[in-house]
Full PDB file with SEQRES, HELIX, SHEET, SSBOND, CRYST1, ORIGX, SCALE, CONECT and MASTER records, all heavy atoms in Angstrom:
SEQRES   1 A   33  VAL GLU ARG GLY ALA GLY ASP VAL ALA ALA ARG LEU GLU          
SEQRES   2 A   33  GLN ASN GLN ALA GLU ALA ALA ALA GLU GLY ARG GLU GLY          
SEQRES   3 A   33  ALA ILE ASP PRO ALA THR ASP                                  
HELIX    1 AA1 GLU A    2  ALA A   21  1                                  20    
CRYST1    1.000    1.000    1.000  90.00  90.00  90.00 P 1           1          
ORIGX1      1.000000  0.000000  0.000000        0.00000                         
ORIGX2      0.000000  1.000000  0.000000        0.00000                         
ORIGX3      0.000000  0.000000  1.000000        0.00000                         
SCALE1      1.000000  0.000000  0.000000        0.00000                         
SCALE2      0.000000  1.000000  0.000000        0.00000                         
SCALE3      0.000000  0.000000  1.000000        0.00000                         
ATOM      1  N   VAL A   1       0.841  -1.203   0.000  1.00  0.00           N  
ATOM      2  CA  VAL A   1       0.000   0.000   0.000  1.00  0.00           C  
ATOM      3  C   VAL A   1       0.871   1.245   0.000  1.00  0.00           C  
ATOM      4  O   VAL A   1       0.619   2.202  -0.736  1.00  0.00           O  
ATOM      5  CB  VAL A   1      -0.970  -0.001   1.207  1.00  0.00           C  
ATOM      6  CG1 VAL A   1      -1.628   1.353   1.391  1.00  0.00           C  
ATOM      7  CG2 VAL A   1      -2.013  -1.085   1.026  1.00  0.00           C  
ATOM      8  N   GLU A   2       1.912   1.219   0.817  1.00  0.00           N  
ATOM      9  CA  GLU A   2       2.816   2.372   0.902  1.00  0.00           C  
ATOM     10  C   GLU A   2       3.498   2.628  -0.445  1.00  0.00           C  
ATOM     11  O   GLU A   2       3.574   3.769  -0.901  1.00  0.00           O  
ATOM     12  CB  GLU A   2       3.860   2.106   1.991  1.00  0.00           C  
ATOM     13  CG  GLU A   2       4.767   3.281   2.279  1.00  0.00           C  
ATOM     14  CD  GLU A   2       5.707   2.984   3.430  1.00  0.00           C  
ATOM     15  OE1 GLU A   2       6.182   1.842   3.553  1.00  0.00           O  
ATOM     16  OE2 GLU A   2       5.977   3.910   4.199  1.00  0.00           O  
ATOM     17  N   ARG A   3       3.996   1.551  -1.081  1.00  0.00           N  
ATOM     18  CA  ARG A   3       4.623   1.707  -2.401  1.00  0.00           C  
ATOM     19  C   ARG A   3       3.615   2.233  -3.417  1.00  0.00           C  
ATOM     20  O   ARG A   3       3.910   3.137  -4.199  1.00  0.00           O  
ATOM     21  CB  ARG A   3       5.196   0.374  -2.878  1.00  0.00           C  
ATOM     22  CG  ARG A   3       6.567   0.069  -2.358  1.00  0.00           C  
ATOM     23  CD  ARG A   3       7.198  -1.110  -3.091  1.00  0.00           C  
ATOM     24  NE  ARG A   3       6.360  -2.310  -3.063  1.00  0.00           N  
ATOM     25  CZ  ARG A   3       6.363  -3.211  -2.089  1.00  0.00           C  
ATOM     26  NH1 ARG A   3       7.134  -3.053  -1.051  1.00  0.00           N  
ATOM     27  NH2 ARG A   3       5.576  -4.275  -2.161  1.00  0.00           N  
ATOM     28  N   GLY A   4       2.417   1.640  -3.405  1.00  0.00           N  
ATOM     29  CA  GLY A   4       1.378   2.069  -4.340  1.00  0.00           C  
ATOM     30  C   GLY A   4       0.991   3.519  -4.131  1.00  0.00           C  
ATOM     31  O   GLY A   4       0.833   4.285  -5.078  1.00  0.00           O  
ATOM     32  N   ALA A   5       0.851   3.920  -2.870  1.00  0.00           N  
ATOM     33  CA  ALA A   5       0.496   5.308  -2.564  1.00  0.00           C  
ATOM     34  C   ALA A   5       1.609   6.252  -3.004  1.00  0.00           C  
ATOM     35  O   ALA A   5       1.331   7.339  -3.520  1.00  0.00           O  
ATOM     36  CB  ALA A   5       0.224   5.465  -1.070  1.00  0.00           C  
ATOM     37  N   GLY A   6       2.838   5.826  -2.819  1.00  0.00           N  
ATOM     38  CA  GLY A   6       3.967   6.656  -3.259  1.00  0.00           C  
ATOM     39  C   GLY A   6       3.977   6.835  -4.761  1.00  0.00           C  
ATOM     40  O   GLY A   6       4.215   7.937  -5.273  1.00  0.00           O  
ATOM     41  N   ASP A   7       3.684   5.748  -5.485  1.00  0.00           N  
ATOM     42  CA  ASP A   7       3.629   5.821  -6.948  1.00  0.00           C  
ATOM     43  C   ASP A   7       2.509   6.747  -7.397  1.00  0.00           C  
ATOM     44  O   ASP A   7       2.683   7.566  -8.300  1.00  0.00           O  
ATOM     45  CB  ASP A   7       3.413   4.430  -7.552  1.00  0.00           C  
ATOM     46  CG  ASP A   7       4.612   3.507  -7.364  1.00  0.00           C  
ATOM     47  OD1 ASP A   7       5.701   4.002  -7.014  1.00  0.00           O  
ATOM     48  OD2 ASP A   7       4.439   2.290  -7.565  1.00  0.00           O  
ATOM     49  N   VAL A   8       1.347   6.614  -6.767  1.00  0.00           N  
ATOM     50  CA  VAL A   8       0.205   7.466  -7.114  1.00  0.00           C  
ATOM     51  C   VAL A   8       0.528   8.925  -6.809  1.00  0.00           C  
ATOM     52  O   VAL A   8       0.255   9.818  -7.618  1.00  0.00           O  
ATOM     53  CB  VAL A   8      -1.073   7.006  -6.371  1.00  0.00           C  
ATOM     54  CG1 VAL A   8      -2.186   8.032  -6.508  1.00  0.00           C  
ATOM     55  CG2 VAL A   8      -1.525   5.660  -6.894  1.00  0.00           C  
ATOM     56  N   ALA A   9       1.113   9.176  -5.651  1.00  0.00           N  
ATOM     57  CA  ALA A   9       1.462  10.549  -5.271  1.00  0.00           C  
ATOM     58  C   ALA A   9       2.451  11.159  -6.262  1.00  0.00           C  
ATOM     59  O   ALA A   9       2.308  12.324  -6.653  1.00  0.00           O  
ATOM     60  CB  ALA A   9       2.033  10.576  -3.850  1.00  0.00           C  
ATOM     61  N   ALA A  10       3.420  10.378  -6.687  1.00  0.00           N  
ATOM     62  CA  ALA A  10       4.412  10.883  -7.645  1.00  0.00           C  
ATOM     63  C   ALA A  10       3.748  11.227  -8.979  1.00  0.00           C  
ATOM     64  O   ALA A  10       4.043  12.276  -9.581  1.00  0.00           O  
ATOM     65  CB  ALA A  10       5.515   9.853  -7.851  1.00  0.00           C  
ATOM     66  N   ARG A  11       2.837  10.352  -9.437  1.00  0.00           N  
ATOM     67  CA  ARG A  11       2.139  10.632 -10.698  1.00  0.00           C  
ATOM     68  C   ARG A  11       1.255  11.866 -10.596  1.00  0.00           C  
ATOM     69  O   ARG A  11       1.214  12.705 -11.499  1.00  0.00           O  
ATOM     70  CB  ARG A  11       1.292   9.432 -11.109  1.00  0.00           C  
ATOM     71  CG  ARG A  11       2.036   8.528 -12.082  1.00  0.00           C  
ATOM     72  CD  ARG A  11       1.171   7.421 -12.568  1.00  0.00           C  
ATOM     73  NE  ARG A  11       1.195   6.431 -11.471  1.00  0.00           N  
ATOM     74  CZ  ARG A  11       0.291   5.516 -11.268  1.00  0.00           C  
ATOM     75  NH1 ARG A  11      -0.737   5.413 -12.057  1.00  0.00           N  
ATOM     76  NH2 ARG A  11       0.387   4.674 -10.266  1.00  0.00           N  
ATOM     77  N   LEU A  12       0.530  11.976  -9.469  1.00  0.00           N  
ATOM     78  CA  LEU A  12      -0.333  13.144  -9.281  1.00  0.00           C  
ATOM     79  C   LEU A  12       0.492  14.430  -9.209  1.00  0.00           C  
ATOM     80  O   LEU A  12       0.116  15.458  -9.779  1.00  0.00           O  
ATOM     81  CB  LEU A  12      -1.176  12.982  -8.014  1.00  0.00           C  
ATOM     82  CG  LEU A  12      -2.248  11.900  -8.067  1.00  0.00           C  
ATOM     83  CD1 LEU A  12      -2.878  11.718  -6.699  1.00  0.00           C  
ATOM     84  CD2 LEU A  12      -3.303  12.234  -9.112  1.00  0.00           C  
ATOM     85  N   GLU A  13       1.608  14.350  -8.527  1.00  0.00           N  
ATOM     86  CA  GLU A  13       2.478  15.534  -8.422  1.00  0.00           C  
ATOM     87  C   GLU A  13       3.001  15.941  -9.798  1.00  0.00           C  
ATOM     88  O   GLU A  13       3.028  17.124 -10.139  1.00  0.00           O  
ATOM     89  CB  GLU A  13       3.649  15.232  -7.476  1.00  0.00           C  
ATOM     90  CG  GLU A  13       4.483  16.453  -7.159  1.00  0.00           C  
ATOM     91  CD  GLU A  13       5.513  16.154  -6.083  1.00  0.00           C  
ATOM     92  OE1 GLU A  13       5.179  15.477  -5.092  1.00  0.00           O  
ATOM     93  OE2 GLU A  13       6.643  16.630  -6.249  1.00  0.00           O  
ATOM     94  N   GLN A  14       3.377  14.942 -10.600  1.00  0.00           N  
ATOM     95  CA  GLN A  14       3.862  15.232 -11.948  1.00  0.00           C  
ATOM     96  C   GLN A  14       2.742  15.857 -12.790  1.00  0.00           C  
ATOM     97  O   GLN A  14       2.970  16.851 -13.499  1.00  0.00           O  
ATOM     98  CB  GLN A  14       4.366  13.955 -12.614  1.00  0.00           C  
ATOM     99  CG  GLN A  14       4.901  14.175 -14.016  1.00  0.00           C  
ATOM    100  CD  GLN A  14       5.392  12.883 -14.641  1.00  0.00           C  
ATOM    101  OE1 GLN A  14       5.379  11.827 -14.015  1.00  0.00           O  
ATOM    102  NE2 GLN A  14       5.803  12.964 -15.885  1.00  0.00           N  
ATOM    103  N   ASN A  15       1.538  15.297 -12.680  1.00  0.00           N  
ATOM    104  CA  ASN A  15       0.399  15.853 -13.435  1.00  0.00           C  
ATOM    105  C   ASN A  15       0.117  17.288 -13.007  1.00  0.00           C  
ATOM    106  O   ASN A  15      -0.156  18.156 -13.852  1.00  0.00           O  
ATOM    107  CB  ASN A  15      -0.857  15.003 -13.215  1.00  0.00           C  
ATOM    108  CG  ASN A  15      -0.762  13.654 -13.886  1.00  0.00           C  
ATOM    109  OD1 ASN A  15       0.118  13.410 -14.706  1.00  0.00           O  
ATOM    110  ND2 ASN A  15      -1.666  12.760 -13.518  1.00  0.00           N  
ATOM    111  N   GLN A  16       0.158  17.559 -11.714  1.00  0.00           N  
ATOM    112  CA  GLN A  16      -0.113  18.911 -11.214  1.00  0.00           C  
ATOM    113  C   GLN A  16       0.991  19.880 -11.638  1.00  0.00           C  
ATOM    114  O   GLN A  16       0.710  21.032 -11.973  1.00  0.00           O  
ATOM    115  CB  GLN A  16      -0.250  18.912  -9.687  1.00  0.00           C  
ATOM    116  CG  GLN A  16      -1.556  18.334  -9.201  1.00  0.00           C  
ATOM    117  CD  GLN A  16      -2.738  19.198  -9.607  1.00  0.00           C  
ATOM    118  OE1 GLN A  16      -2.889  20.327  -9.146  1.00  0.00           O  
ATOM    119  NE2 GLN A  16      -3.579  18.672 -10.488  1.00  0.00           N  
ATOM    120  N   ALA A  17       2.229  19.414 -11.644  1.00  0.00           N  
ATOM    121  CA  ALA A  17       3.335  20.278 -12.088  1.00  0.00           C  
ATOM    122  C   ALA A  17       3.149  20.662 -13.552  1.00  0.00           C  
ATOM    123  O   ALA A  17       3.335  21.830 -13.934  1.00  0.00           O  
ATOM    124  CB  ALA A  17       4.671  19.573 -11.880  1.00  0.00           C  
ATOM    125  N   GLU A  18       2.770  19.692 -14.377  1.00  0.00           N  
ATOM    126  CA  GLU A  18       2.537  19.975 -15.797  1.00  0.00           C  
ATOM    127  C   GLU A  18       1.355  20.923 -15.973  1.00  0.00           C  
ATOM    128  O   GLU A  18       1.422  21.867 -16.767  1.00  0.00           O  
ATOM    129  CB  GLU A  18       2.287  18.675 -16.562  1.00  0.00           C  
ATOM    130  CG  GLU A  18       3.513  17.799 -16.698  1.00  0.00           C  
ATOM    131  CD  GLU A  18       3.198  16.428 -17.282  1.00  0.00           C  
ATOM    132  OE1 GLU A  18       2.038  16.182 -17.704  1.00  0.00           O  
ATOM    133  OE2 GLU A  18       4.116  15.590 -17.300  1.00  0.00           O  
ATOM    134  N   ALA A  19       0.279  20.675 -15.225  1.00  0.00           N  
ATOM    135  CA  ALA A  19      -0.904  21.521 -15.332  1.00  0.00           C  
ATOM    136  C   ALA A  19      -0.586  22.945 -14.884  1.00  0.00           C  
ATOM    137  O   ALA A  19      -1.024  23.925 -15.512  1.00  0.00           O  
ATOM    138  CB  ALA A  19      -2.046  20.943 -14.496  1.00  0.00           C  
ATOM    139  N   ALA A  20       0.180  23.083 -13.815  1.00  0.00           N  
ATOM    140  CA  ALA A  20       0.550  24.415 -13.327  1.00  0.00           C  
ATOM    141  C   ALA A  20       1.449  25.118 -14.333  1.00  0.00           C  
ATOM    142  O   ALA A  20       1.297  26.322 -14.581  1.00  0.00           O  
ATOM    143  CB  ALA A  20       1.243  24.313 -11.973  1.00  0.00           C  
ATOM    144  N   ALA A  21       2.377  24.370 -14.936  1.00  0.00           N  
ATOM    145  CA  ALA A  21       3.280  24.957 -15.928  1.00  0.00           C  
ATOM    146  C   ALA A  21       2.506  25.434 -17.150  1.00  0.00           C  
ATOM    147  O   ALA A  21       2.863  26.437 -17.774  1.00  0.00           O  
ATOM    148  CB  ALA A  21       4.342  23.937 -16.337  1.00  0.00           C  
ATOM    149  N   GLU A  22       1.432  24.742 -17.459  1.00  0.00           N  
ATOM    150  CA  GLU A  22       0.600  25.145 -18.591  1.00  0.00           C  
ATOM    151  C   GLU A  22      -0.392  26.237 -18.205  1.00  0.00           C  
ATOM    152  O   GLU A  22      -1.127  26.743 -19.042  1.00  0.00           O  
ATOM    153  CB  GLU A  22      -0.157  23.926 -19.138  1.00  0.00           C  
ATOM    154  CG  GLU A  22       0.747  22.890 -19.771  1.00  0.00           C  
ATOM    155  CD  GLU A  22       0.012  21.602 -20.121  1.00  0.00           C  
ATOM    156  OE1 GLU A  22      -1.230  21.543 -19.968  1.00  0.00           O  
ATOM    157  OE2 GLU A  22       0.687  20.655 -20.547  1.00  0.00           O  
ATOM    158  N   GLY A  23      -0.451  26.572 -16.912  1.00  0.00           N  
ATOM    159  CA  GLY A  23      -1.329  27.633 -16.453  1.00  0.00           C  
ATOM    160  C   GLY A  23      -2.779  27.210 -16.296  1.00  0.00           C  
ATOM    161  O   GLY A  23      -3.669  28.064 -16.278  1.00  0.00           O  
ATOM    162  N   ARG A  24      -3.024  25.917 -16.169  1.00  0.00           N  
ATOM    163  CA  ARG A  24      -4.410  25.458 -16.006  1.00  0.00           C  
ATOM    164  C   ARG A  24      -4.939  25.858 -14.640  1.00  0.00           C  
ATOM    165  O   ARG A  24      -4.349  25.554 -13.611  1.00  0.00           O  
ATOM    166  CB  ARG A  24      -4.489  23.944 -16.174  1.00  0.00           C  
ATOM    167  CG  ARG A  24      -4.341  23.534 -17.618  1.00  0.00           C  
ATOM    168  CD  ARG A  24      -4.731  22.081 -17.804  1.00  0.00           C  
ATOM    169  NE  ARG A  24      -3.529  21.352 -18.220  1.00  0.00           N  
ATOM    170  CZ  ARG A  24      -3.331  20.075 -18.020  1.00  0.00           C  
ATOM    171  NH1 ARG A  24      -4.228  19.340 -17.412  1.00  0.00           N  
ATOM    172  NH2 ARG A  24      -2.232  19.510 -18.437  1.00  0.00           N  
ATOM    173  N   GLU A  25      -6.060  26.556 -14.668  1.00  0.00           N  
ATOM    174  CA  GLU A  25      -6.662  27.062 -13.441  1.00  0.00           C  
ATOM    175  C   GLU A  25      -7.071  25.912 -12.521  1.00  0.00           C  
ATOM    176  O   GLU A  25      -7.633  24.919 -12.954  1.00  0.00           O  
ATOM    177  CB  GLU A  25      -7.902  27.910 -13.790  1.00  0.00           C  
ATOM    178  CG  GLU A  25      -8.418  28.696 -12.617  1.00  0.00           C  
ATOM    179  CD  GLU A  25      -9.523  29.658 -13.016  1.00  0.00           C  
ATOM    180  OE1 GLU A  25      -9.462  30.205 -14.133  1.00  0.00           O  
ATOM    181  OE2 GLU A  25     -10.421  29.852 -12.196  1.00  0.00           O  
ATOM    182  N   GLY A  26      -6.776  26.070 -11.242  1.00  0.00           N  
ATOM    183  CA  GLY A  26      -7.121  25.072 -10.238  1.00  0.00           C  
ATOM    184  C   GLY A  26      -5.981  24.138  -9.894  1.00  0.00           C  
ATOM    185  O   GLY A  26      -6.008  23.478  -8.857  1.00  0.00           O  
ATOM    186  N   ALA A  27      -4.974  24.055 -10.771  1.00  0.00           N  
ATOM    187  CA  ALA A  27      -3.832  23.175 -10.496  1.00  0.00           C  
ATOM    188  C   ALA A  27      -2.990  23.773  -9.372  1.00  0.00           C  
ATOM    189  O   ALA A  27      -2.993  24.981  -9.147  1.00  0.00           O  
ATOM    190  CB  ALA A  27      -2.978  23.022 -11.756  1.00  0.00           C  
ATOM    191  N   ILE A  28      -2.282  22.937  -8.668  1.00  0.00           N  
ATOM    192  CA  ILE A  28      -1.363  23.402  -7.620  1.00  0.00           C  
ATOM    193  C   ILE A  28       0.048  23.055  -8.048  1.00  0.00           C  
ATOM    194  O   ILE A  28       0.353  21.905  -8.352  1.00  0.00           O  
ATOM    195  CB  ILE A  28      -1.682  22.753  -6.260  1.00  0.00           C  
ATOM    196  CG1 ILE A  28      -3.051  23.217  -5.790  1.00  0.00           C  
ATOM    197  CG2 ILE A  28      -0.611  23.074  -5.232  1.00  0.00           C  
ATOM    198  CD1 ILE A  28      -3.484  22.636  -4.471  1.00  0.00           C  
ATOM    199  N   ASP A  29       0.906  24.054  -8.067  1.00  0.00           N  
ATOM    200  CA  ASP A  29       2.312  23.854  -8.408  1.00  0.00           C  
ATOM    201  C   ASP A  29       2.988  23.192  -7.202  1.00  0.00           C  
ATOM    202  O   ASP A  29       3.093  23.795  -6.136  1.00  0.00           O  
ATOM    203  CB  ASP A  29       2.977  25.195  -8.727  1.00  0.00           C  
ATOM    204  CG  ASP A  29       4.406  25.034  -9.189  1.00  0.00           C  
ATOM    205  OD1 ASP A  29       4.967  23.923  -9.077  1.00  0.00           O  
ATOM    206  OD2 ASP A  29       4.980  26.035  -9.646  1.00  0.00           O  
ATOM    207  N   PRO A  30       3.462  21.928  -7.342  1.00  0.00           N  
ATOM    208  CA  PRO A  30       4.064  21.237  -6.211  1.00  0.00           C  
ATOM    209  C   PRO A  30       5.321  21.930  -5.676  1.00  0.00           C  
ATOM    210  O   PRO A  30       5.628  21.817  -4.486  1.00  0.00           O  
ATOM    211  CB  PRO A  30       4.419  19.865  -6.765  1.00  0.00           C  
ATOM    212  CG  PRO A  30       3.637  19.707  -8.007  1.00  0.00           C  
ATOM    213  CD  PRO A  30       3.376  21.083  -8.508  1.00  0.00           C  
ATOM    214  N   ALA A  31       6.017  22.668  -6.513  1.00  0.00           N  
ATOM    215  CA  ALA A  31       7.237  23.348  -6.081  1.00  0.00           C  
ATOM    216  C   ALA A  31       6.940  24.509  -5.112  1.00  0.00           C  
ATOM    217  O   ALA A  31       7.699  24.777  -4.200  1.00  0.00           O  
ATOM    218  CB  ALA A  31       8.022  23.855  -7.287  1.00  0.00           C  
ATOM    219  N   THR A  32       5.807  25.189  -5.344  1.00  0.00           N  
ATOM    220  CA  THR A  32       5.471  26.346  -4.519  1.00  0.00           C  
ATOM    221  C   THR A  32       4.259  26.115  -3.621  1.00  0.00           C  
ATOM    222  O   THR A  32       3.989  26.923  -2.742  1.00  0.00           O  
ATOM    223  CB  THR A  32       5.182  27.566  -5.407  1.00  0.00           C  
ATOM    224  OG1 THR A  32       4.031  27.269  -6.228  1.00  0.00           O  
ATOM    225  CG2 THR A  32       6.373  27.912  -6.281  1.00  0.00           C  
ATOM    226  N   ASP A  33       3.540  25.065  -3.883  1.00  0.00           N  
ATOM    227  CA  ASP A  33       2.300  24.750  -3.172  1.00  0.00           C  
ATOM    228  C   ASP A  33       1.260  25.854  -3.335  1.00  0.00           C  
ATOM    229  O   ASP A  33       0.444  26.084  -2.470  1.00  0.00           O  
ATOM    230  CB  ASP A  33       2.577  24.479  -1.682  1.00  0.00           C  
ATOM    231  CG  ASP A  33       1.520  23.573  -1.069  1.00  0.00           C  
ATOM    232  OD1 ASP A  33       0.934  22.750  -1.795  1.00  0.00           O  
ATOM    233  OD2 ASP A  33       1.275  23.695   0.146  1.00  0.00           O  
TER     234      ASP A  33                                                      
MASTER        0    0    0    1    0    0    0    6  233    1    0    3          
END                                                                             
């Protein structure tokens, strides 16, 4: 479960970083929160 949660968290963080970089409203930039 811990490994799976870590994998999911990493993917979500990557998706949010991309969305924030593209300026999509509502996304959270993981670097700045």
